[in-house]
C-alpha atoms as a PDB file:
ATOM      1  CA  UNK A   1      -0.006   0.006   0.015  1.00  0.00           C
ATOM      2  CA  UNK A   2       1.513   3.414  -0.998  1.00  0.00           C
ATOM      3  CA  UNK A   3       2.397   5.796   1.789  1.00  0.00           C
ATOM      4  CA  UNK A   4       1.156   9.387   2.261  1.00  0.00           C
ATOM      5  CA  UNK A   5       3.961  11.784   1.353  1.00  0.00           C
ATOM      6  CA  UNK A   6       2.157  14.952   2.437  1.00  0.00           C
ATOM      7  CA  UNK A   7       4.314  15.217   5.559  1.00  0.00           C
ATOM      8  CA  UNK A   8       7.412  15.778   3.406  1.00  0.00           C
ATOM      9  CA  UNK A   9       7.583  19.418   2.140  1.00  0.00           C
ATOM     10  CA  UNK A  10      10.155  18.535  -0.496  1.00  0.00           C
ATOM     11  CA  UNK A  11       7.514  16.504  -2.316  1.00  0.00           C
ATOM     12  CA  UNK A  12       4.593  18.944  -1.778  1.00  0.00           C
ATOM     13  CA  UNK A  13       4.718  20.490  -5.261  1.00  0.00           C
ATOM     14  CA  UNK A  14       4.469  17.150  -7.005  1.00  0.00           C
ATOM     15  CA  UNK A  15       1.271  16.163  -8.732  1.00  0.00           C
ATOM     16  CA  UNK A  16      -0.894  13.537  -6.995  1.00  0.00           C
ATOM     17  CA  UNK A  17       0.164  11.108  -9.751  1.00  0.00           C
ATOM     18  CA  UNK A  18       3.855  11.709  -9.192  1.00  0.00           C
ATOM     19  CA  UNK A  19       3.419  11.461  -5.418  1.00  0.00           C
ATOM     20  CA  UNK A  20       1.649   8.137  -5.854  1.00  0.00           C
ATOM     21  CA  UNK A  21       4.460   6.838  -8.112  1.00  0.00           C
ATOM     22  CA  UNK A  22       7.083   7.915  -5.602  1.00  0.00           C
ATOM     23  CA  UNK A  23       5.174   6.355  -2.630  1.00  0.00           C
ATOM     24  CA  UNK A  24       4.885   3.098  -4.585  1.00  0.00           C
ATOM     25  CA  UNK A  25       8.702   2.558  -4.468  1.00  0.00           C
ATOM     26  CA  UNK A  26       9.062   3.391  -0.779  1.00  0.00           C
ATOM     27  CA  UNK A  27       9.440   0.740   1.898  1.00  0.00           C
ATOM     28  CA  UNK A  28       9.174   1.178   5.686  1.00  0.00           C
ATOM     29  CA  UNK A  29      11.835   0.550   8.262  1.00  0.00           C
ATOM     30  CA  UNK A  30      11.543   0.848  12.042  1.00  0.00           C
ATOM     31  CA  UNK A  31      14.440   1.352  14.419  1.00  0.00           C
ATOM     32  CA  UNK A  32      14.822   1.542  18.160  1.00  0.00           C
ATOM     33  CA  UNK A  33      16.522   4.362  20.087  1.00  0.00           C
ATOM     34  CA  UNK A  34      20.268   4.020  19.775  1.00  0.00           C
ATOM     35  CA  UNK A  35      20.096   1.817  16.678  1.00  0.00           C
ATOM     36  CA  UNK A  36      22.382   2.619  13.734  1.00  0.00           C
ATOM     37  CA  UNK A  37      20.764   3.109  10.330  1.00  0.00           C
ATOM     38  CA  UNK A  38      24.025   3.233   8.398  1.00  0.00           C
ATOM     39  CA  UNK A  39      27.667   3.923   9.012  1.00  0.00           C
ATOM     40  CA  UNK A  40      30.131   6.082   7.194  1.00  0.00           C
ATOM     41  CA  UNK A  41      31.341   4.396   3.979  1.00  0.00           C
ATOM     42  CA  UNK A  42      28.385   2.014   3.773  1.00  0.00           C
ATOM     43  CA  UNK A  43      27.043   1.810   0.198  1.00  0.00           C
ATOM     44  CA  UNK A  44      24.584   4.616  -0.531  1.00  0.00           C
ATOM     45  CA  UNK A  45      21.751   2.479  -1.820  1.00  0.00           C
ATOM     46  CA  UNK A  46      18.968   5.042  -1.260  1.00  0.00           C
ATOM     47  CA  UNK A  47      17.666   7.793   0.920  1.00  0.00           C
ATOM     48  CA  UNK A  48      15.276   8.078   3.840  1.00  0.00           C
ATOM     49  CA  UNK A  49      12.236  10.088   4.945  1.00  0.00           C
ATOM     50  CA  UNK A  50      11.317  10.335   8.622  1.00  0.00           C
ATOM     51  CA  UNK A  51       7.707   9.518   9.459  1.00  0.00           C
ATOM     52  CA  UNK A  52       8.214   9.418  13.219  1.00  0.00           C
ATOM     53  CA  UNK A  53      11.245   9.916  15.480  1.00  0.00           C
ATOM     54  CA  UNK A  54      14.575  11.729  15.184  1.00  0.00           C
ATOM     55  CA  UNK A  55      17.865  10.805  13.525  1.00  0.00           C
ATOM     56  CA  UNK A  56      21.375  12.119  14.293  1.00  0.00           C
ATOM     57  CA  UNK A  57      23.888  12.438  11.462  1.00  0.00           C
ATOM     58  CA  UNK A  58      27.442  12.526  12.790  1.00  0.00           C
ATOM     59  CA  UNK A  59      31.081  11.866  12.096  1.00  0.00           C
ATOM     60  CA  UNK A  60      33.737  10.509  14.465  1.00  0.00           C
ATOM     61  CA  UNK A  61      37.363  11.661  14.642  1.00  0.00           C
ATOM     62  CA  UNK A  62      40.213   9.104  14.761  1.00  0.00           C
ATOM     63  CA  UNK A  63      40.403   9.850  18.512  1.00  0.00           C
ATOM     64  CA  UNK A  64      36.717   9.009  18.978  1.00  0.00           C
ATOM     65  CA  UNK A  65      35.351  12.557  19.287  1.00  0.00           C
ATOM     66  CA  UNK A  66      31.851  12.819  17.871  1.00  0.00           C
ATOM     67  CA  UNK A  67      30.825  15.752  15.615  1.00  0.00           C
ATOM     68  CA  UNK A  68      27.045  16.037  15.126  1.00  0.00           C
ATOM     69  CA  UNK A  69      26.281  17.438  11.627  1.00  0.00           C
ATOM     70  CA  UNK A  70      22.550  17.480  11.768  1.00  0.00           C
ATOM     71  CA  UNK A  71      19.476  16.292  13.703  1.00  0.00           C
ATOM     72  CA  UNK A  72      16.484  15.363  11.445  1.00  0.00           C
ATOM     73  CA  UNK A  73      12.858  14.958  12.564  1.00  0.00           C
ATOM     74  CA  UNK A  74       9.447  14.040  11.045  1.00  0.00           C
ATOM     75  CA  UNK A  75       8.823  15.364   7.517  1.00  0.00           C
ATOM     76  CA  UNK A  76      12.518  15.613   6.682  1.00  0.00           C
ATOM     77  CA  UNK A  77      14.594  13.485   4.341  1.00  0.00           C
ATOM     78  CA  UNK A  78      18.290  12.612   4.644  1.00  0.00           C
ATOM     79  CA  UNK A  79      21.041  10.735   2.841  1.00  0.00           C
ATOM     80  CA  UNK A  80      19.672  12.061  -0.467  1.00  0.00           C
ATOM     81  CA  UNK A  81      23.267  12.651  -1.718  1.00  0.00           C
ATOM     82  CA  UNK A  82      23.381   8.925  -2.487  1.00  0.00           C
ATOM     83  CA  UNK A  83      20.755   9.441  -5.107  1.00  0.00           C
ATOM     84  CA  UNK A  84      22.925  11.735  -7.234  1.00  0.00           C
ATOM     85  CA  UNK A  85      26.455  10.772  -6.319  1.00  0.00           C
ATOM     86  CA  UNK A  86      26.023   7.031  -6.267  1.00  0.00           C
ATOM     87  CA  UNK A  87      28.777   6.859  -3.633  1.00  0.00           C
ATOM     88  CA  UNK A  88      29.098   5.612  -0.057  1.00  0.00           C
ATOM     89  CA  UNK A  89      27.448   7.441   2.800  1.00  0.00           C
ATOM     90  CA  UNK A  90      29.793  10.231   4.040  1.00  0.00           C
ATOM     91  CA  UNK A  91      28.675  10.072   7.649  1.00  0.00           C
ATOM     92  CA  UNK A  92      26.899   7.925  10.282  1.00  0.00           C
ATOM     93  CA  UNK A  93      23.168   7.877  11.047  1.00  0.00           C
ATOM     94  CA  UNK A  94      21.742   6.875  14.424  1.00  0.00           C
ATOM     95  CA  UNK A  95      18.235   6.977  15.872  1.00  0.00           C
ATOM     96  CA  UNK A  96      17.797   9.143  18.966  1.00  0.00           C
ATOM     97  CA  UNK A  97      14.417   7.550  19.703  1.00  0.00           C
ATOM     98  CA  UNK A  98      12.108   4.951  18.228  1.00  0.00           C
ATOM     99  CA  UNK A  99      11.934   5.922  14.579  1.00  0.00           C
ATOM    100  CA  UNK A 100       9.831   4.983  11.538  1.00  0.00           C
ATOM    101  CA  UNK A 101      11.382   5.651   8.142  1.00  0.00           C
ATOM    102  CA  UNK A 102      10.484   5.441   4.546  1.00  0.00           C
ATOM    103  CA  UNK A 103      13.299   4.123   2.390  1.00  0.00           C
ATOM    104  CA  UNK A 104      13.556   5.140  -1.277  1.00  0.00           C
ATOM    105  CA  UNK A 105      15.906   2.886  -3.258  1.00  0.00           C
ATOM    106  CA  UNK A 106      18.327   4.692  -5.469  1.00  0.00           C
ATOM    107  CA  UNK A 107      17.794   2.714  -8.668  1.00  0.00           C
ATOM    108  CA  UNK A 108      13.994   3.085  -8.666  1.00  0.00           C
ATOM    109  CA  UNK A 109      14.202   6.744  -7.649  1.00  0.00           C
ATOM    110  CA  UNK A 110      16.567   7.639 -10.471  1.00  0.00           C
ATOM    111  CA  UNK A 111      14.189   6.006 -12.890  1.00  0.00           C
ATOM    112  CA  UNK A 112      11.400   8.263 -11.575  1.00  0.00           C
ATOM    113  CA  UNK A 113      13.573  11.321 -11.944  1.00  0.00           C
ATOM    114  CA  UNK A 114      14.191  10.439 -15.637  1.00  0.00           C
ATOM    115  CA  UNK A 115      10.427  10.365 -16.097  1.00  0.00           C
ATOM    116  CA  UNK A 116       9.721  13.405 -13.929  1.00  0.00           C
ATOM    117  CA  UNK A 117      12.433  16.196 -13.991  1.00  0.00           C
ATOM    118  CA  UNK A 118      10.413  18.304 -11.487  1.00  0.00           C
ATOM    119  CA  UNK A 119      11.213  15.726  -8.851  1.00  0.00           C
ATOM    120  CA  UNK A 120      14.936  16.036  -9.527  1.00  0.00           C
ATOM    121  CA  UNK A 121      14.744  19.825  -9.362  1.00  0.00           C
ATOM    122  CA  UNK A 122      13.022  19.647  -5.983  1.00  0.00           C
ATOM    123  CA  UNK A 123      15.692  17.443  -4.608  1.00  0.00           C
ATOM    124  CA  UNK A 124      18.443  19.635  -6.048  1.00  0.00           C
ATOM    125  CA  UNK A 125      16.885  22.590  -4.294  1.00  0.00           C
ATOM    126  CA  UNK A 126      17.041  20.705  -1.035  1.00  0.00           C
ATOM    127  CA  UNK A 127      20.689  19.839  -1.630  1.00  0.00           C
ATOM    128  CA  UNK A 128      21.431  23.521  -2.227  1.00  0.00           C
ATOM    129  CA  UNK A 129      19.763  24.440   1.012  1.00  0.00           C
ATOM    130  CA  UNK A 130      21.707  21.743   2.908  1.00  0.00           C
ATOM    131  CA  UNK A 131      24.986  23.056   1.436  1.00  0.00           C
ATOM    132  CA  UNK A 132      24.170  26.573   2.672  1.00  0.00           C
ATOM    133  CA  UNK A 133      23.354  25.201   6.118  1.00  0.00           C
ATOM    134  CA  UNK A 134      26.620  23.231   6.240  1.00  0.00           C
ATOM    135  CA  UNK A 135      28.678  26.293   5.171  1.00  0.00           C
ATOM    136  CA  UNK A 136      26.944  28.354   7.836  1.00  0.00           C
ATOM    137  CA  UNK A 137      27.638  25.697  10.489  1.00  0.00           C
ATOM    138  CA  UNK A 138      31.295  25.385   9.555  1.00  0.00           C
ATOM    139  CA  UNK A 139      31.615  29.186   9.786  1.00  0.00           C
ATOM    140  CA  UNK A 140      29.819  29.180  13.132  1.00  0.00           C
ATOM    141  CA  UNK A 141      31.963  26.447  14.645  1.00  0.00           C
ATOM    142  CA  UNK A 142      35.243  27.880  13.393  1.00  0.00           C
ATOM    143  CA  UNK A 143      34.667  31.593  14.061  1.00  0.00           C
ATOM    144  CA  UNK A 144      32.311  31.818  17.013  1.00  0.00           C
ATOM    145  CA  UNK A 145      32.874  31.075  20.670  1.00  0.00           C
ATOM    146  CA  UNK A 146      30.643  28.590  22.526  1.00  0.00           C
ATOM    147  CA  UNK A 147      28.280  31.238  24.043  1.00  0.00           C
ATOM    148  CA  UNK A 148      27.664  32.708  20.589  1.00  0.00           C
ATOM    149  CA  UNK A 149      26.999  29.267  19.110  1.00  0.00           C
ATOM    150  CA  UNK A 150      24.528  28.445  21.885  1.00  0.00           C
ATOM    151  CA  UNK A 151      22.774  31.808  21.621  1.00  0.00           C
ATOM    152  CA  UNK A 152      22.415  31.357  17.855  1.00  0.00           C
ATOM    153  CA  UNK A 153      21.026  27.880  18.309  1.00  0.00           C
ATOM    154  CA  UNK A 154      18.451  29.001  20.862  1.00  0.00           C
ATOM    155  CA  UNK A 155      17.373  31.872  18.669  1.00  0.00           C
ATOM    156  CA  UNK A 156      16.963  29.530  15.712  1.00  0.00           C
ATOM    157  CA  UNK A 157      14.696  27.315  17.803  1.00  0.00           C
ATOM    158  CA  UNK A 158      12.724  30.396  18.855  1.00  0.00           C
ATOM    159  CA  UNK A 159      12.287  31.495  15.237  1.00  0.00           C
ATOM    160  CA  UNK A 160      11.119  28.041  14.141  1.00  0.00           C
ATOM    161  CA  UNK A 161       8.619  27.638  17.020  1.00  0.00           C
ATOM    162  CA  UNK A 162       7.539  31.264  17.331  1.00  0.00           C
ATOM    163  CA  UNK A 163       7.832  31.411  21.129  1.00  0.00           C
ATOM    164  CA  UNK A 164      10.371  32.174  23.882  1.00  0.00           C
ATOM    165  CA  UNK A 165       9.480  29.187  26.065  1.00  0.00           C
ATOM    166  CA  UNK A 166      10.274  25.765  24.609  1.00  0.00           C
ATOM    167  CA  UNK A 167      11.774  22.409  25.337  1.00  0.00           C
ATOM    168  CA  UNK A 168      15.155  21.350  23.932  1.00  0.00           C
ATOM    169  CA  UNK A 169      14.948  18.211  21.834  1.00  0.00           C
ATOM    170  CA  UNK A 170      18.559  17.236  22.589  1.00  0.00           C
ATOM    171  CA  UNK A 171      20.121  16.281  25.916  1.00  0.00           C
ATOM    172  CA  UNK A 172      23.176  18.139  27.175  1.00  0.00           C
ATOM    173  CA  UNK A 173      25.629  15.660  25.702  1.00  0.00           C
ATOM    174  CA  UNK A 174      23.972  15.730  22.312  1.00  0.00           C
ATOM    175  CA  UNK A 175      23.698  19.534  22.323  1.00  0.00           C
ATOM    176  CA  UNK A 176      27.345  19.858  23.154  1.00  0.00           C
ATOM    177  CA  UNK A 177      28.301  17.592  20.259  1.00  0.00           C
ATOM    178  CA  UNK A 178      26.077  19.559  17.923  1.00  0.00           C
ATOM    179  CA  UNK A 179      27.674  22.800  19.011  1.00  0.00           C
ATOM    180  CA  UNK A 180      31.216  21.495  18.693  1.00  0.00           C
ATOM    181  CA  UNK A 181      32.124  21.526  22.388  1.00  0.00           C
ATOM    182  CA  UNK A 182      32.094  19.243  25.480  1.00  0.00           C
ATOM    183  CA  UNK A 183      29.315  18.893  28.067  1.00  0.00           C
ATOM    184  CA  UNK A 184      31.435  20.479  30.813  1.00  0.00           C
ATOM    185  CA  UNK A 185      32.018  23.651  28.817  1.00  0.00           C
ATOM    186  CA  UNK A 186      28.369  23.801  27.746  1.00  0.00           C
ATOM    187  CA  UNK A 187      27.273  23.476  31.357  1.00  0.00           C
ATOM    188  CA  UNK A 188      29.513  26.421  32.385  1.00  0.00           C
ATOM    189  CA  UNK A 189      28.167  28.559  29.554  1.00  0.00           C
ATOM    190  CA  UNK A 190      24.534  27.725  30.428  1.00  0.00           C
ATOM    191  CA  UNK A 191      25.198  28.614  34.092  1.00  0.00           C
ATOM    192  CA  UNK A 192      26.721  31.971  33.146  1.00  0.00           C
ATOM    193  CA  UNK A 193      23.823  32.729  30.793  1.00  0.00           C
ATOM    194  CA  UNK A 194      21.387  32.058  33.599  1.00  0.00           C
ATOM    195  CA  UNK A 195      23.330  34.178  36.056  1.00  0.00           C
ATOM    196  CA  UNK A 196      23.461  37.108  33.627  1.00  0.00           C
ATOM    197  CA  UNK A 197      19.714  36.885  32.906  1.00  0.00           C
ATOM    198  CA  UNK A 198      19.785  35.745  29.302  1.00  0.00           C
ATOM    199  CA  UNK A 199      17.865  32.529  29.912  1.00  0.00           C
ATOM    200  CA  UNK A 200      16.120  30.475  32.501  1.00  0.00           C
ATOM    201  CA  UNK A 201      16.443  26.701  32.184  1.00  0.00           C
ATOM    202  CA  UNK A 202      14.928  23.839  34.117  1.00  0.00           C
ATOM    203  CA  UNK A 203      15.786  20.422  32.777  1.00  0.00           C
ATOM    204  CA  UNK A 204      15.203  20.686  29.049  1.00  0.00           C
ATOM    205  CA  UNK A 205      12.720  23.563  29.307  1.00  0.00           C
ATOM    206  CA  UNK A 206      14.252  26.850  28.268  1.00  0.00           C
ATOM    207  CA  UNK A 207      12.802  30.352  28.634  1.00  0.00           C
ATOM    208  CA  UNK A 208      14.571  33.119  26.709  1.00  0.00           C
ATOM    209  CA  UNK A 209      14.495  36.141  28.996  1.00  0.00           C
ATOM    210  CA  UNK A 210      16.649  38.560  26.985  1.00  0.00           C
ATOM    211  CA  UNK A 211      16.246  38.006  23.246  1.00  0.00           C
ATOM    212  CA  UNK A 212      18.102  41.147  22.298  1.00  0.00           C
ATOM    213  CA  UNK A 213      20.979  40.203  24.548  1.00  0.00           C
ATOM    214  CA  UNK A 214      21.099  36.762  22.910  1.00  0.00           C
ATOM    215  CA  UNK A 215      21.109  38.335  19.473  1.00  0.00           C
ATOM    216  CA  UNK A 216      24.038  40.499  20.552  1.00  0.00           C
ATOM    217  CA  UNK A 217      25.847  37.404  21.860  1.00  0.00           C
ATOM    218  CA  UNK A 218      25.187  35.472  18.701  1.00  0.00           C
ATOM    219  CA  UNK A 219      26.335  38.355  16.536  1.00  0.00           C
ATOM    220  CA  UNK A 220      29.549  38.857  18.533  1.00  0.00           C
ATOM    221  CA  UNK A 221      28.808  42.435  19.593  1.00  0.00           C
ATOM    222  CA  UNK A 222      28.869  41.344  23.242  1.00  0.00           C
ATOM    223  CA  UNK A 223      30.628  38.517  25.078  1.00  0.00           C
ATOM    224  CA  UNK A 224      29.638  36.439  28.053  1.00  0.00           C
ATOM    225  CA  UNK A 225      31.475  37.469  31.192  1.00  0.00           C
ATOM    226  CA  UNK A 226      33.901  34.787  32.481  1.00  0.00           C
END
């Protein structure tokens, strides 16, 4: 039975007929929290769409340090590079919670693209957006200090949700990895941001108390006091 693709914005502009054809090649896969979907250098045999759950994309250094590249949630697709490049996966993918995925095999998908160029253009648009995000993250991690990175991340969540009070979807260790630091440093920064009145945080619930101050921190015009 074909699956409903309406939760995936990248496919929203496709005609019902094309969505039906795309859904017909998809298979479902379910993973438990902590289960690996694929590892770096595994053959890129297709890409995935998240129906339920969250997936962490990360790389590991030779010394074992983990660098989180992205966290994906429902309605997002990942590993789509395999569709065009036909190469191995460039990073690892691990489920942060119980996750249900749709899997789109590369061979069948490329056949659909040949029949429907609009589908290929949609995916190329997504790839371009991902490239911009990756360039921005590299710049952020290389040029900004940890307080600026955290402030920028909190402001991004605020913009996406449209509110100042929200719950973080990553634990402290995962958030530290995503921001390119270690949990101990992140804890010190969070404590200083609380003491200086930028945020209030209880568990994973965060309340942004000084949005302008966070914007100044993220932009580098002010620095967190040691």
